[in-house]
Amino acid sequence: MEIGAVIDAGGRAAVTAAVVSVAGLAGQLAGVVACPSSLPNHTDHTADVDPLREFSEACLDGLGLLARVESATTAAKIRLLAAYAEAAAGLEAPPASAYEASSQEMSLVAEVACVLTIGERAASALLGEAHALTTTLPAALDALQAGTIAWQHARIVVDETAGLPLAAVSALESHFFDPGAPDGARCATPGELVPSRFRRKVRAWRERHHPESLEKRHAKSVADRRMEYTPDRDGMGWISLYLPGDTACAIWNKASALGRGLQGADESRTLTQIRADIAAGLLLGSASQQPGEVPSPKADVLVTVPVFSLLGLTEEPGEVDGFGPVPASIARRLVADGASSFYRVLVDPRDGASLEIGRTSYRLPESLKRWLRMRDGACTFPGCSNQSLDNENDHLTAWQDGGTTGISNLGQACPKHHRLKHASAWTPAQATRNEPPGWISPTGRHYPPEQQDREPTHWPPGCTPHAPSPLEHATMMYLAA
């Protein structure tokens, strides 16, 4: 059978377009790097230009183009893999048994592994990803080919859609990759997020929109809780706990809070080391860690709960800061039983926004600090995943320069990026009530903020959205206080 009978004209055209895309981007890259006016030794006496600055700008432009070339090259590889797998299947006789089908697949994987000089397990995974992207995730593959996302982003979409029905896969892809979709993401575009942050958003959306309720899936997974032990090199080993998310998050926050309490001038250990020492000490029955005694601070956790879900009228998931969506039953339990370690954040059912009471004094009250943690979620610097509890609250426009202590003039920054702001030309952009600040680099490039991807809450059956009456609004403000 001829390959042309197996792969239609559209498939061959897609492969050709992918290769042409790589060539075109590579040509642009060569033009940027080789441009004479961008070289350091080029001097134009007729223009008021700085050759070194021009060259540095060309380097940054080249890096951006190179990232797009890498993405386009990977997209071409994916299309070629899928086309080869289809062609190879057409060249083989239909398998007469499961054993023969398995043998054909092993041969296919081995061929790809040898050509790419990778292991067979990696080759098998790559073929699976190629199949998923070319058959059920065309928008993600097109974005990869255009260079607007990286290969890591594409793999995340494949991972998080595995096992979902086709309709759910299409809905998730549309949400993140179709700007015109009615329910499109209100956060930064996938390519503007570092992969770890993108995975968190995709997973959160998947949990909320999975055809099977989070409550049922969580109940099944609780039975799989376990501890695992893995020996490692240099006399070390790993201990892992697979637990319900709220429990795991609380353990992490507790260890972090205890660790921060031990830090001081006489403490040589890093926070990472202290966390491990505390966990080992508590498990082995010795909570005291030198130098000094372990204090007992509260492990503050923000629990965001839709109003109707808190009242038991809907089963919409809640969200635990630092973890993500949790079943409604857990969110209600945390609010009811979490004592002073848990802070509830009620969500306005009209638009999914959190309810806020503003302040104008220089010092931030605890309510505003918690609201800031909920809005930003992490350090706002591009790509930084430093979690809320370790961050510093920063006035975007300094108080002495006329800045106010309103939510739109505040942002979270980890100690490292807080210092960077004051020691360099990196400056945060303006924030809003629901959107954290972006950042502007010393070269003038603007990096947009990673806005929370909120959704309007679910209404109970028989209820319809309406503007709240003064009494209803006052009640919601009271509950949020």
Protein backbone atom coordinates (compact mmCIF):
# COMPACT_ATOMS: atom_id res chain seq x y z
CA MET A 1 0.00 0.00 0.00
CA GLU A 2 1.31 3.41 -0.91
CA ILE A 3 1.94 5.92 1.87
CA GLY A 4 -0.18 8.42 -0.03
CA ALA A 5 -3.18 6.14 0.50
CA VAL A 6 -2.59 6.10 4.22
CA ILE A 7 -1.87 9.78 4.86
CA ASP A 8 -4.29 12.17 3.21
CA ALA A 9 -3.27 15.40 1.51
CA GLY A 10 -4.18 17.36 4.61
CA GLY A 11 -1.75 15.36 6.75
CA ARG A 12 1.10 15.79 4.29
CA ALA A 13 0.33 19.51 4.03
CA ALA A 14 0.44 19.84 7.84
CA VAL A 15 3.87 18.23 7.99
CA THR A 16 5.13 20.44 5.17
CA ALA A 17 3.74 23.58 6.82
CA ALA A 18 5.43 22.64 10.10
CA VAL A 19 8.82 22.26 8.42
CA VAL A 20 8.37 25.52 6.48
CA SER A 21 7.48 27.28 9.73
CA VAL A 22 10.77 26.18 11.28
CA ALA A 23 12.71 27.37 8.24
CA GLY A 24 10.99 30.75 8.26
CA LEU A 25 11.66 31.37 11.96
CA ALA A 26 15.27 30.24 11.57
CA GLY A 27 15.67 32.77 8.75
CA GLN A 28 14.31 35.55 10.97
CA LEU A 29 16.71 34.52 13.73
CA ALA A 30 19.68 34.61 11.38
CA GLY A 31 18.64 38.08 10.21
CA VAL A 32 18.44 39.43 13.76
CA VAL A 33 21.78 38.00 14.86
CA ALA A 34 23.66 38.96 11.68
CA CYS A 35 22.26 42.48 11.34
CA PRO A 36 25.36 44.71 11.05
CA SER A 37 23.78 47.56 12.98
CA SER A 38 23.39 45.25 15.96
CA LEU A 39 27.06 44.31 16.23
CA PRO A 40 29.07 45.94 19.06
CA ASN A 41 31.81 47.21 16.73
CA HIS A 42 29.37 48.91 14.40
CA THR A 43 29.31 52.67 14.76
CA ASP A 44 26.84 54.92 12.95
CA HIS A 45 28.07 58.50 13.32
CA THR A 46 25.01 59.85 11.51
CA ALA A 47 22.52 58.64 14.08
CA ASP A 48 22.21 59.14 17.79
CA VAL A 49 22.31 55.44 18.71
CA ASP A 50 24.10 53.34 21.26
CA PRO A 51 25.57 50.31 19.41
CA LEU A 52 25.94 48.26 22.60
CA ARG A 53 22.33 48.85 23.58
CA GLU A 54 21.22 47.93 20.06
CA PHE A 55 23.23 44.73 20.29
CA SER A 56 21.78 43.83 23.69
CA GLU A 57 18.28 44.39 22.29
CA ALA A 58 19.15 42.17 19.32
CA CYS A 59 20.31 39.44 21.71
CA LEU A 60 17.02 39.55 23.60
CA ASP A 61 15.06 39.52 20.34
CA GLY A 62 17.21 36.59 19.21
CA LEU A 63 16.46 34.66 22.39
CA GLY A 64 12.75 35.20 21.88
CA LEU A 65 12.95 34.03 18.29
CA LEU A 66 15.09 31.05 19.26
CA ALA A 67 12.44 29.97 21.76
CA ARG A 68 9.89 30.12 18.94
CA VAL A 69 12.23 28.11 16.67
CA GLU A 70 12.55 25.44 19.37
CA SER A 71 8.76 25.24 19.72
CA ALA A 72 8.22 25.09 15.95
CA THR A 73 10.90 22.41 15.63
CA THR A 74 9.19 20.32 18.28
CA ALA A 75 5.83 20.77 16.52
CA ALA A 76 7.40 19.54 13.28
CA LYS A 77 8.83 16.54 15.16
CA ILE A 78 5.38 15.77 16.61
CA ARG A 79 3.70 15.91 13.19
CA LEU A 80 6.43 13.74 11.65
CA LEU A 81 6.08 11.18 14.45
CA ALA A 82 2.32 11.00 14.03
CA ALA A 83 2.65 10.74 10.24
CA TYR A 84 5.29 8.01 10.54
CA ALA A 85 3.15 6.02 12.97
CA GLU A 86 0.20 6.24 10.57
CA ALA A 87 2.32 5.31 7.57
CA ALA A 88 3.96 2.40 9.42
CA ALA A 89 0.54 1.06 10.38
CA GLY A 90 -0.52 1.22 6.73
CA LEU A 91 2.55 -0.67 5.59
CA GLU A 92 1.90 -3.52 8.04
CA ALA A 93 -0.70 -6.20 7.56
CA PRO A 94 -3.58 -5.95 10.05
CA PRO A 95 -2.53 -7.81 13.23
CA ALA A 96 -4.14 -11.22 13.62
CA SER A 97 -3.76 -11.33 17.40
CA ALA A 98 -3.01 -9.18 20.43
CA TYR A 99 0.53 -10.61 20.44
CA GLU A 100 1.10 -9.52 16.83
CA ALA A 101 -0.30 -6.05 17.56
CA SER A 102 2.02 -5.71 20.54
CA SER A 103 4.99 -6.80 18.42
CA GLN A 104 4.20 -4.21 15.75
CA GLU A 105 3.97 -1.49 18.38
CA MET A 106 7.28 -2.58 19.93
CA SER A 107 8.93 -2.43 16.52
CA LEU A 108 7.52 1.06 15.89
CA VAL A 109 8.75 2.33 19.26
CA ALA A 110 12.18 0.78 18.78
CA GLU A 111 12.59 2.45 15.37
CA VAL A 112 11.73 5.89 16.77
CA ALA A 113 14.01 5.35 19.77
CA CYS A 114 16.95 4.47 17.53
CA VAL A 115 16.40 7.41 15.15
CA LEU A 116 16.13 9.96 18.00
CA THR A 117 18.74 8.23 20.18
CA ILE A 118 16.43 8.03 23.18
CA GLY A 119 15.19 5.22 25.38
CA GLU A 120 12.23 3.13 24.29
CA ARG A 121 10.13 4.32 27.24
CA ALA A 122 10.73 7.94 26.20
CA ALA A 123 9.99 7.06 22.56
CA SER A 124 6.72 5.40 23.54
CA ALA A 125 5.68 8.43 25.59
CA LEU A 126 6.58 10.76 22.73
CA LEU A 127 4.49 8.76 20.27
CA GLY A 128 1.57 8.88 22.67
CA GLU A 129 1.90 12.65 23.04
CA ALA A 130 2.14 13.03 19.25
CA HIS A 131 -1.05 11.02 18.81
CA ALA A 132 -2.93 13.09 21.41
CA LEU A 133 -1.81 16.43 19.97
CA THR A 134 -2.56 15.58 16.35
CA THR A 135 -5.93 13.94 17.00
CA THR A 136 -7.58 15.72 19.95
CA LEU A 137 -5.56 18.88 20.69
CA PRO A 138 -5.15 20.72 17.37
CA ALA A 139 -5.22 24.22 18.89
CA ALA A 140 -2.42 23.39 21.33
CA LEU A 141 -0.35 21.91 18.51
CA ASP A 142 -0.96 24.99 16.33
CA ALA A 143 0.17 27.20 19.23
CA LEU A 144 3.32 25.10 19.57
CA GLN A 145 4.00 25.40 15.84
CA ALA A 146 3.46 29.17 15.96
CA GLY A 147 5.92 29.41 18.84
CA THR A 148 3.42 30.96 21.27
CA ILE A 149 3.86 28.08 23.76
CA ALA A 150 6.78 25.82 24.63
CA TRP A 151 6.91 22.03 24.49
CA GLN A 152 6.46 21.90 28.28
CA HIS A 153 3.10 23.69 27.92
CA ALA A 154 1.95 21.25 25.26
CA ARG A 155 2.93 18.24 27.40
CA ILE A 156 0.97 19.67 30.33
CA VAL A 157 -2.17 19.87 28.20
CA VAL A 158 -1.65 16.26 27.11
CA ASP A 159 -1.11 15.11 30.71
CA GLU A 160 -4.09 16.94 32.18
CA THR A 161 -6.52 15.83 29.45
CA ALA A 162 -5.56 12.15 29.65
CA GLY A 163 -8.63 10.07 30.48
CA LEU A 164 -11.11 12.87 29.81
CA PRO A 165 -14.00 12.42 27.34
CA LEU A 166 -13.46 14.12 24.00
CA ALA A 167 -16.01 16.85 24.78
CA ALA A 168 -14.21 17.72 28.01
CA VAL A 169 -10.85 17.78 26.21
CA SER A 170 -12.24 20.18 23.61
CA ALA A 171 -13.73 22.40 26.32
CA LEU A 172 -10.44 22.62 28.21
CA GLU A 173 -8.45 23.37 25.06
CA SER A 174 -10.96 26.02 23.99
CA HIS A 175 -10.84 27.67 27.41
CA PHE A 176 -7.07 28.19 27.29
CA PHE A 177 -6.33 28.49 23.55
CA ASP A 178 -9.38 30.17 21.99
CA PRO A 179 -9.43 33.91 22.84
CA GLY A 180 -12.94 34.19 21.41
CA ALA A 181 -14.43 31.39 23.49
CA PRO A 182 -17.40 32.47 25.67
CA ASP A 183 -15.71 30.96 28.72
CA GLY A 184 -12.13 31.86 27.71
CA ALA A 185 -9.44 32.15 30.36
CA ARG A 186 -9.18 35.55 32.02
CA CYS A 187 -5.62 34.88 33.15
CA ALA A 188 -2.44 35.36 31.12
CA THR A 189 -2.17 33.33 27.91
CA PRO A 190 -0.49 29.91 28.25
CA GLY A 191 2.76 31.09 26.66
CA GLU A 192 3.04 33.95 29.17
CA LEU A 193 3.08 31.52 32.12
CA VAL A 194 6.01 29.39 33.21
CA PRO A 195 5.04 25.72 32.83
CA SER A 196 4.58 25.02 36.56
CA ARG A 197 2.13 27.90 36.91
CA PHE A 198 0.33 26.88 33.72
CA ARG A 199 -0.08 23.33 35.02
CA ARG A 200 -1.64 24.66 38.21
CA LYS A 201 -4.23 26.62 36.22
CA VAL A 202 -5.01 23.76 33.84
CA ARG A 203 -5.37 21.32 36.73
CA ALA A 204 -7.63 23.71 38.65
CA TRP A 205 -9.89 24.17 35.60
CA ARG A 206 -9.93 20.40 34.97
CA GLU A 207 -10.95 19.73 38.58
CA ARG A 208 -13.86 22.16 38.36
CA HIS A 209 -15.14 20.94 34.97
CA HIS A 210 -14.43 17.21 35.10
CA PRO A 211 -17.52 15.20 34.03
CA GLU A 212 -17.30 13.28 37.32
CA SER A 213 -17.63 15.46 40.41
CA LEU A 214 -14.55 16.26 42.46
CA GLU A 215 -16.38 14.89 45.48
CA LYS A 216 -16.65 11.40 43.93
CA ARG A 217 -13.10 11.38 42.55
CA HIS A 218 -11.69 12.51 45.89
CA ALA A 219 -13.56 9.75 47.74
CA LYS A 220 -12.02 7.15 45.42
CA SER A 221 -8.50 8.59 45.77
CA VAL A 222 -8.56 8.76 49.57
CA ALA A 223 -8.36 4.97 49.58
CA ASP A 224 -5.00 5.22 47.78
CA ARG A 225 -3.30 7.32 50.49
CA ARG A 226 0.11 5.93 51.34
CA MET A 227 3.71 6.60 52.34
CA GLU A 228 6.57 5.69 50.03
CA TYR A 229 10.28 5.31 50.69
CA THR A 230 13.02 5.47 48.04
CA PRO A 231 16.76 5.12 48.81
CA ASP A 232 18.95 7.66 47.03
CA ARG A 233 22.63 8.35 46.38
CA ASP A 234 25.18 9.67 48.88
CA GLY A 235 23.53 7.98 51.85
CA MET A 236 20.23 9.85 51.39
CA GLY A 237 16.63 8.78 50.89
CA TRP A 238 13.18 10.11 50.02
CA ILE A 239 9.97 9.86 52.06
CA SER A 240 6.74 10.75 50.22
CA LEU A 241 3.21 11.02 51.58
CA TYR A 242 0.17 10.74 49.32
CA LEU A 243 -2.60 12.40 51.33
CA PRO A 244 -5.79 14.41 50.88
CA GLY A 245 -4.78 17.81 49.53
CA ASP A 246 -5.97 19.84 52.50
CA THR A 247 -3.99 17.63 54.90
CA ALA A 248 -0.83 17.78 52.77
CA CYS A 249 -1.13 21.56 52.42
CA ALA A 250 -1.63 22.00 56.16
CA ILE A 251 1.44 19.85 56.93
CA TRP A 252 3.56 21.90 54.53
CA ASN A 253 2.34 25.21 55.94
CA LYS A 254 2.86 24.02 59.51
CA ALA A 255 6.45 22.94 58.79
CA SER A 256 7.09 26.26 57.03
CA ALA A 257 5.66 28.26 59.93
CA LEU A 258 7.71 26.33 62.47
CA GLY A 259 10.81 26.75 60.30
CA ARG A 260 10.39 30.49 59.98
CA GLY A 261 10.04 30.70 63.77
CA LEU A 262 13.44 29.03 64.18
CA GLN A 263 15.28 31.28 61.75
CA GLY A 264 17.50 33.92 63.28
CA ALA A 265 21.04 35.20 63.64
CA ASP A 266 22.21 31.98 65.31
CA GLU A 267 20.53 29.64 62.83
CA SER A 268 22.81 28.45 60.01
CA ARG A 269 20.26 26.15 58.34
CA THR A 270 18.17 27.22 55.39
CA LEU A 271 14.37 27.11 55.59
CA THR A 272 14.41 24.09 53.28
CA GLN A 273 16.75 22.22 55.64
CA ILE A 274 14.75 23.23 58.71
CA ARG A 275 11.51 21.93 57.17
CA ALA A 276 13.09 18.51 56.63
CA ASP A 277 14.55 18.45 60.16
CA ILE A 278 11.19 19.39 61.70
CA ALA A 279 9.31 16.72 59.74
CA ALA A 280 11.85 14.06 60.70
CA GLY A 281 11.82 15.16 64.35
CA LEU A 282 8.02 15.10 64.59
CA LEU A 283 7.75 11.68 62.93
CA LEU A 284 10.44 10.23 65.21
CA GLY A 285 8.84 11.72 68.31
CA SER A 286 11.25 14.61 68.89
CA ALA A 287 9.71 17.98 68.10
CA SER A 288 12.56 19.98 69.63
CA GLN A 289 15.12 21.23 67.11
CA GLN A 290 18.34 22.96 68.07
CA PRO A 291 19.17 25.78 68.28
CA GLY A 292 16.20 26.77 70.41
CA GLU A 293 12.82 25.19 70.95
CA VAL A 294 10.27 24.83 68.19
CA PRO A 295 7.55 27.45 68.65
CA SER A 296 3.90 26.64 67.93
CA PRO A 297 2.65 29.23 65.46
CA LYS A 298 -0.56 28.85 63.52
CA ALA A 299 -0.30 27.52 59.98
CA ASP A 300 -2.47 30.09 58.24
CA VAL A 301 -4.50 28.74 55.34
CA LEU A 302 -6.88 30.65 53.09
CA VAL A 303 -9.99 28.72 52.11
CA THR A 304 -12.01 30.28 49.29
CA VAL A 305 -15.61 29.11 49.41
CA PRO A 306 -18.46 30.11 47.07
CA VAL A 307 -21.32 31.44 49.19
CA PHE A 308 -23.91 28.92 47.99
CA SER A 309 -21.46 26.05 48.42
CA LEU A 310 -20.75 27.11 52.02
CA LEU A 311 -24.50 27.12 52.69
CA GLY A 312 -24.83 23.61 51.24
CA LEU A 313 -27.03 24.72 48.32
CA THR A 314 -24.49 23.64 45.67
CA GLU A 315 -21.51 21.29 45.56
CA GLU A 316 -19.16 23.73 43.79
CA PRO A 317 -15.54 23.08 44.85
CA GLY A 318 -13.74 25.40 47.22
CA GLU A 319 -10.07 26.33 46.90
CA VAL A 320 -7.23 26.06 49.40
CA ASP A 321 -4.46 28.62 48.97
CA GLY A 322 -1.26 26.89 47.88
CA PHE A 323 -3.05 23.71 46.79
CA GLY A 324 -6.04 24.33 44.53
CA PRO A 325 -9.63 23.00 44.25
CA VAL A 326 -11.00 20.79 47.03
CA PRO A 327 -14.41 19.12 47.31
CA ALA A 328 -17.18 21.27 48.75
CA SER A 329 -17.48 19.00 51.78
CA ILE A 330 -13.83 19.58 52.67
CA ALA A 331 -14.15 23.34 52.14
CA ARG A 332 -17.16 23.43 54.47
CA ARG A 333 -15.34 21.32 57.05
CA LEU A 334 -12.25 23.53 56.95
CA VAL A 335 -14.33 26.65 57.46
CA ALA A 336 -16.31 25.06 60.28
CA ASP A 337 -13.51 23.20 62.07
CA GLY A 338 -10.36 25.03 61.07
CA ALA A 339 -10.45 27.33 64.10
CA SER A 340 -8.12 30.31 63.80
CA SER A 341 -5.70 28.65 61.38
CA PHE A 342 -8.17 28.85 58.51
CA TYR A 343 -9.60 32.04 57.02
CA ARG A 344 -12.67 31.90 54.84
CA VAL A 345 -12.91 34.00 51.68
CA LEU A 346 -16.47 34.17 50.44
CA VAL A 347 -17.04 34.58 46.69
CA ASP A 348 -19.62 36.90 45.17
CA PRO A 349 -22.03 34.64 43.22
CA ARG A 350 -22.57 37.26 40.50
CA ASP A 351 -19.06 37.26 39.02
CA GLY A 352 -16.83 35.00 41.12
CA ALA A 353 -14.92 37.94 42.62
CA SER A 354 -14.00 37.93 46.28
CA LEU A 355 -15.71 40.36 48.63
CA GLU A 356 -13.47 43.16 49.86
CA ILE A 357 -13.46 45.91 52.49
CA GLY A 358 -10.80 48.52 51.68
CA ARG A 359 -8.34 50.29 54.03
CA THR A 360 -6.22 53.45 53.63
CA SER A 361 -3.73 53.38 56.54
CA TYR A 362 -0.03 52.70 55.90
CA ARG A 363 0.07 49.43 57.84
CA LEU A 364 -1.90 46.62 56.30
CA PRO A 365 -4.57 45.11 58.56
CA GLU A 366 -4.83 41.33 58.60
CA SER A 367 -7.98 41.37 56.45
CA LEU A 368 -6.20 43.27 53.66
CA LYS A 369 -3.12 41.01 53.92
CA ARG A 370 -5.33 37.97 53.47
CA TRP A 371 -7.12 39.61 50.53
CA LEU A 372 -3.74 40.36 48.92
CA ARG A 373 -2.63 36.76 49.42
CA MET A 374 -5.83 35.55 47.80
CA ARG A 375 -5.53 37.92 44.81
CA ASP A 376 -1.85 37.33 44.00
CA GLY A 377 -1.39 33.75 45.19
CA ALA A 378 2.40 33.96 44.87
CA CYS A 379 5.18 36.44 44.16
CA THR A 380 4.03 38.54 41.21
CA PHE A 381 7.42 38.60 39.45
CA PRO A 382 7.27 36.75 36.10
CA GLY A 383 7.85 33.05 36.58
CA CYS A 384 8.34 33.18 40.36
CA SER A 385 6.35 30.56 42.26
CA ASN A 386 7.29 31.63 45.77
CA GLN A 387 4.18 30.98 47.84
CA SER A 388 2.20 33.60 49.71
CA LEU A 389 3.36 32.87 53.26
CA ASP A 390 6.99 33.65 52.40
CA ASN A 391 6.28 36.89 50.53
CA GLU A 392 6.41 40.56 51.52
CA ASN A 393 3.60 43.05 50.99
CA ASP A 394 4.88 45.92 48.88
CA HIS A 395 3.51 49.36 48.02
CA LEU A 396 3.85 49.63 44.23
CA THR A 397 4.08 53.41 44.51
CA ALA A 398 5.99 54.13 47.71
CA TRP A 399 4.09 55.69 50.61
CA GLN A 400 6.55 58.59 50.72
CA ASP A 401 5.90 59.20 47.01
CA GLY A 402 2.16 59.55 47.50
CA GLY A 403 1.21 55.88 47.26
CA THR A 404 -1.81 54.67 49.21
CA THR A 405 -2.50 51.44 51.03
CA GLY A 406 -5.27 50.37 48.70
CA ILE A 407 -5.50 46.98 47.04
CA SER A 408 -4.67 48.52 43.63
CA ASN A 409 -1.36 49.88 45.00
CA LEU A 410 -0.22 46.66 46.64
CA GLY A 411 1.55 43.58 45.39
CA GLN A 412 3.28 40.53 46.80
CA ALA A 413 6.98 40.05 46.19
CA CYS A 414 9.32 37.42 47.57
CA PRO A 415 12.37 38.81 49.42
CA LYS A 416 14.57 38.25 46.36
CA HIS A 417 12.37 40.17 43.93
CA HIS A 418 11.50 42.81 46.50
CA ARG A 419 15.22 43.58 46.71
CA LEU A 420 15.45 43.52 42.91
CA LYS A 421 12.75 46.19 42.68
CA HIS A 422 14.69 48.56 44.97
CA ALA A 423 18.16 47.72 43.62
CA SER A 424 17.51 47.84 39.87
CA ALA A 425 15.34 49.36 37.16
CA TRP A 426 12.79 46.51 37.36
CA THR A 427 9.48 48.17 38.30
CA PRO A 428 6.01 46.74 38.96
CA ALA A 429 3.17 48.02 36.79
CA GLN A 430 -0.26 49.06 38.03
CA ALA A 431 -2.50 46.57 39.82
CA THR A 432 -6.29 46.52 40.07
CA ARG A 433 -8.80 45.20 42.56
CA ASN A 434 -8.78 41.71 40.99
CA GLU A 435 -5.54 41.74 38.99
CA PRO A 436 -1.98 41.63 40.34
CA PRO A 437 0.70 43.93 38.93
CA GLY A 438 2.76 43.08 35.88
CA TRP A 439 6.43 44.07 35.66
CA ILE A 440 8.49 46.31 33.38
CA SER A 441 12.10 45.31 32.74
CA PRO A 442 15.08 47.69 32.47
CA THR A 443 14.85 47.33 28.67
CA GLY A 444 11.25 48.55 28.69
CA ARG A 445 9.64 45.18 28.00
CA HIS A 446 6.30 44.67 29.75
CA TYR A 447 5.54 41.29 31.27
CA PRO A 448 1.80 41.00 31.99
CA PRO A 449 0.46 39.78 35.32
CA GLU A 450 -0.76 36.28 35.95
CA GLN A 451 -4.39 37.08 36.67
CA GLN A 452 -6.44 34.57 38.63
CA ASP A 453 -8.67 32.53 36.31
CA ARG A 454 -11.89 33.03 38.28
CA GLU A 455 -15.30 31.88 37.14
CA PRO A 456 -18.82 32.91 38.14
CA THR A 457 -20.04 30.60 40.88
CA HIS A 458 -22.75 27.99 40.38
CA TRP A 459 -26.29 29.04 41.33
CA PRO A 460 -28.65 26.62 43.10
CA PRO A 461 -31.45 25.12 40.98
CA GLY A 462 -34.34 27.54 40.60
CA CYS A 463 -32.25 30.61 41.39
CA THR A 464 -31.17 33.24 38.86
CA PRO A 465 -28.46 35.90 39.17
CA HIS A 466 -29.66 39.36 40.15
CA ALA A 467 -28.22 42.51 41.59
CA PRO A 468 -28.25 42.14 45.39
CA SER A 469 -30.50 44.32 47.46
CA PRO A 470 -28.88 46.67 50.01
CA LEU A 471 -29.72 44.12 52.73
CA GLU A 472 -28.19 41.22 50.75
CA HIS A 473 -25.08 43.27 50.01
CA ALA A 474 -24.71 44.22 53.67
CA THR A 475 -25.12 40.54 54.64
CA MET A 476 -22.35 39.47 52.26
CA MET A 477 -20.08 42.20 53.57
CA TYR A 478 -20.74 41.02 57.12
CA LEU A 479 -19.96 37.40 56.22
CA ALA A 480 -16.73 38.46 54.49
CA ALA A 481 -15.52 40.54 57.44
